[in-house]
Protein backbone atom coordinates (compact mmCIF):
# COMPACT_ATOMS: atom_id res chain seq x y z
CA UNK A 1 -3.32 11.97 36.82
CA UNK A 2 -1.29 13.45 33.83
CA UNK A 3 2.02 11.93 35.14
CA UNK A 4 0.36 8.58 35.15
CA UNK A 5 -0.78 9.16 31.49
CA UNK A 6 2.55 10.18 30.31
CA UNK A 7 4.27 7.27 32.21
CA UNK A 8 2.10 4.92 30.35
CA UNK A 9 2.64 6.40 26.97
CA UNK A 10 6.39 6.42 27.84
CA UNK A 11 6.31 2.70 28.79
CA UNK A 12 4.45 1.75 25.50
CA UNK A 13 6.98 3.73 23.41
CA UNK A 14 10.05 1.85 25.27
CA UNK A 15 8.20 -1.32 24.71
CA UNK A 16 7.69 -1.12 21.13
CA UNK A 17 11.17 0.06 20.58
CA UNK A 18 12.44 -2.84 22.51
CA UNK A 19 10.25 -5.27 20.45
CA UNK A 20 11.63 -3.70 17.31
CA UNK A 21 15.25 -4.06 18.43
CA UNK A 22 14.65 -7.92 19.54
CA UNK A 23 12.92 -8.89 16.25
CA UNK A 24 15.85 -7.03 14.22
CA UNK A 25 18.55 -8.67 16.19
CA UNK A 26 16.85 -12.29 15.86
CA UNK A 27 16.69 -11.81 12.09
CA UNK A 28 20.53 -10.69 12.06
CA UNK A 29 21.43 -13.71 14.33
CA UNK A 30 19.33 -16.05 12.16
CA UNK A 31 21.15 -14.67 8.71
CA UNK A 32 24.52 -15.21 10.33
CA UNK A 33 24.33 -18.85 10.74
CA UNK A 34 23.77 -19.66 6.95
CA UNK A 35 26.20 -22.25 5.63
CA UNK A 36 28.44 -20.56 2.79
CA UNK A 37 27.15 -23.32 0.23
CA UNK A 38 23.54 -22.10 0.55
CA UNK A 39 24.44 -18.36 0.87
CA UNK A 40 22.70 -16.07 -1.78
CA UNK A 41 24.69 -13.39 -3.83
CA UNK A 42 24.97 -9.96 -2.45
CA UNK A 43 22.24 -8.73 -4.85
CA UNK A 44 19.53 -11.47 -3.71
CA UNK A 45 20.05 -10.95 -0.14
CA UNK A 46 17.38 -9.06 1.64
CA UNK A 47 19.11 -7.12 4.65
CA UNK A 48 17.26 -6.08 7.86
CA UNK A 49 13.83 -6.70 8.73
CA UNK A 50 11.24 -7.78 6.30
CA UNK A 51 8.62 -5.06 5.37
CA UNK A 52 5.53 -6.92 6.94
CA UNK A 53 7.37 -6.83 10.33
CA UNK A 54 8.03 -3.15 10.11
CA UNK A 55 4.38 -2.54 8.80
CA UNK A 56 3.00 -4.70 11.56
CA UNK A 57 4.98 -3.24 14.55
CA UNK A 58 4.23 0.40 13.41
CA UNK A 59 0.85 -0.33 12.57
CA UNK A 60 0.29 -1.97 16.01
CA UNK A 61 1.69 0.95 17.76
CA UNK A 62 -0.68 3.50 15.94
CA UNK A 63 -3.73 1.00 16.71
CA UNK A 64 -2.68 0.83 20.62
CA UNK A 65 -2.23 4.57 20.58
CA UNK A 66 -5.46 5.41 18.95
CA UNK A 67 -7.30 3.08 20.96
CA UNK A 68 -5.90 4.62 24.22
CA UNK A 69 -6.60 8.17 23.08
CA UNK A 70 -10.17 7.12 21.99
CA UNK A 71 -10.75 5.29 25.38
CA UNK A 72 -9.69 8.18 27.23
CA UNK A 73 -11.82 10.86 25.48
CA UNK A 74 -14.94 8.34 25.95
CA UNK A 75 -14.18 8.50 29.80
CA UNK A 76 -13.59 12.14 29.66
CA UNK A 77 -16.96 12.86 27.69
CA UNK A 78 -18.89 10.37 30.12
CA UNK A 79 -17.40 12.49 33.14
CA UNK A 80 -18.09 15.82 31.58
CA UNK A 81 -21.84 14.67 30.97
CA UNK A 82 -22.03 13.16 34.65
CA UNK A 83 -20.82 16.72 36.15
CA UNK A 84 -23.23 18.37 33.93
CA UNK A 85 -26.09 16.38 35.16
CA UNK A 86 -25.18 17.49 38.81
CA UNK A 87 -25.66 21.04 38.45
CA UNK A 88 -28.87 22.63 39.63
CA UNK A 89 -30.75 25.12 37.47
């Protein structure tokens, strides 16, 4: 069961990294099609991903991870409690 959990966490990590790369490439691609007449000066340009996207992606990864860990802890405590109830004194 441990291998399955590690595979699940690895899958979520790869998915999160893939989403970040995709979002960044979309912003870079969208920024490259700006006509020169409407292009801002070098000081006014914001390069890379906007802060709210980064905060959302990182926050989402943290929420997903904490939810998964909490759920697994809850299931483990329920199983432990069930196993303790089966013992005969």
